[in-house]
Protein backbone atom coordinates (compact mmCIF):
# COMPACT_ATOMS: atom_id res chain seq x y z
CA MET A 1 92.60 118.99 117.09
CA ALA A 2 89.52 119.17 119.17
CA LYS A 3 86.48 117.74 118.72
CA GLN A 4 83.51 119.42 116.25
CA ARG A 5 79.99 119.05 116.41
CA LYS A 6 78.53 117.67 113.50
CA LEU A 7 74.98 119.93 113.34
CA GLY A 8 73.31 117.16 111.51
CA ARG A 9 75.14 118.21 108.17
CA PRO A 10 77.60 116.54 105.84
CA THR A 11 81.04 118.11 106.08
CA ASP A 12 80.79 120.28 103.22
CA GLN A 13 77.35 121.77 104.18
CA ARG A 14 78.42 122.39 107.69
CA ARG A 15 81.55 123.87 106.53
CA ALA A 16 80.12 126.32 104.13
CA MET A 17 77.37 126.95 106.91
CA LEU A 18 79.85 127.99 109.45
CA ARG A 19 81.75 130.21 106.82
CA ASN A 20 78.41 131.94 106.22
CA LEU A 21 77.60 132.46 109.79
CA VAL A 22 81.11 133.74 109.97
CA THR A 23 80.69 136.02 107.61
CA SER A 24 77.43 137.44 108.69
CA LEU A 25 78.69 138.15 112.53
CA LEU A 26 81.57 139.85 111.09
CA LYS A 27 79.59 142.19 108.62
CA HIS A 28 76.45 142.62 110.89
CA GLY A 29 78.02 142.65 114.22
CA LYS A 30 75.48 140.01 115.63
CA ILE A 31 73.40 137.28 114.48
CA GLU A 32 70.48 135.27 115.85
CA THR A 33 71.03 131.17 115.42
CA THR A 34 70.72 128.38 117.99
CA VAL A 35 73.15 127.34 120.93
CA THR A 36 75.08 124.67 119.13
CA ARG A 37 75.88 126.87 115.86
CA ALA A 38 76.55 130.05 117.92
CA LYS A 39 79.24 127.95 120.00
CA GLU A 40 80.79 126.53 117.02
CA THR A 41 80.73 130.16 115.34
CA ARG A 42 81.96 131.56 118.15
CA SER A 43 85.30 129.95 118.25
CA LEU A 44 85.86 130.42 114.23
CA ALA A 45 84.92 134.07 114.67
CA GLU A 46 87.47 134.71 117.59
CA LYS A 47 90.39 132.77 115.44
CA MET A 48 89.57 135.40 112.89
CA VAL A 49 89.40 138.32 114.88
CA THR A 50 93.04 137.22 116.18
CA LEU A 51 94.43 136.46 112.77
CA ALA A 52 92.79 140.55 112.27
CA LYS A 53 94.92 141.42 115.20
CA ARG A 54 98.22 139.89 113.69
CA GLY A 55 97.37 142.06 110.67
CA ASP A 56 100.15 140.36 108.22
CA LEU A 57 100.00 139.49 104.78
CA HIS A 58 99.75 135.50 105.98
CA ALA A 59 96.91 136.16 108.30
CA ARG A 60 95.19 138.00 105.80
CA ARG A 61 94.99 135.42 103.52
CA GLN A 62 94.09 132.86 105.83
CA VAL A 63 90.95 135.09 106.64
CA LEU A 64 90.22 135.35 103.13
CA ALA A 65 90.30 131.67 102.65
CA PHE A 66 87.63 131.07 104.95
CA VAL A 67 85.45 134.28 105.09
CA THR A 68 83.36 134.89 101.87
CA GLU A 69 83.27 138.39 101.28
CA GLU A 70 86.30 140.60 100.88
CA THR A 71 85.16 143.55 101.91
CA VAL A 72 84.36 142.11 105.35
CA VAL A 73 87.70 140.81 105.60
CA THR A 74 88.91 144.92 104.74
CA GLU A 75 86.76 146.15 107.27
CA LEU A 76 88.03 143.57 109.82
CA PHE A 77 91.52 144.36 109.39
CA ASN A 78 90.99 147.73 109.32
CA THR A 79 89.02 148.24 112.60
CA ALA A 80 89.93 144.67 114.74
CA PRO A 81 93.51 145.76 115.98
CA THR A 82 92.52 149.07 117.35
CA LYS A 83 89.01 147.86 118.92
CA TYR A 84 90.53 144.50 120.13
CA ALA A 85 93.78 145.87 121.13
CA ASP A 86 93.66 145.69 124.83
CA ARG A 87 91.57 142.08 124.97
CA ASN A 88 93.02 138.82 124.93
CA GLY A 89 90.30 136.82 123.58
CA GLY A 90 86.54 136.95 124.22
CA TYR A 91 85.72 138.98 121.35
CA THR A 92 81.76 137.62 121.08
CA ARG A 93 79.12 137.48 123.57
CA MET A 94 76.01 135.16 123.80
CA PHE A 95 72.41 136.12 125.02
CA LYS A 96 69.63 133.41 125.47
CA VAL A 97 66.61 134.76 123.69
CA GLY A 98 64.24 131.81 124.43
CA PRO A 99 62.72 128.77 122.28
CA ARG A 100 62.05 128.83 118.92
CA ARG A 101 58.19 128.88 117.98
CA GLY A 102 58.32 125.65 115.19
CA ASP A 103 60.77 123.03 117.24
CA ALA A 104 61.72 124.75 120.50
CA ALA A 105 65.34 125.13 119.62
CA GLU A 106 67.05 127.38 122.09
CA ILE A 107 67.84 130.64 120.36
CA VAL A 108 70.78 132.84 121.14
CA ILE A 109 72.16 136.30 119.64
CA LEU A 110 75.51 136.09 119.06
CA GLU A 111 77.41 139.27 118.90
CA LEU A 112 80.83 141.04 118.64
CA VAL A 113 81.89 142.95 121.90
């Protein structure tokens, strides 16, 4: 398994944060976060879209085990197979916004293509 970024949090908090970020990205289409969080979120979101493209019951249950809102999963499974049919990966895009005012952390907008 590939090495994960720890993001300065214990495992349970990190997992919860990433689940919330992925759910928000799939729900709203784009989120604003730091570069390292966006890179972790991107890989997980791409896996969720790939599972949604597969579209079978096992894939749906795998996504439901990770994404926190059932309506988001339903919407993803309804739109992803048609929206990303001709695309083999690369479902997200990152734009650098600049430094955050408080601590100068680099901020990006992560959005679905």
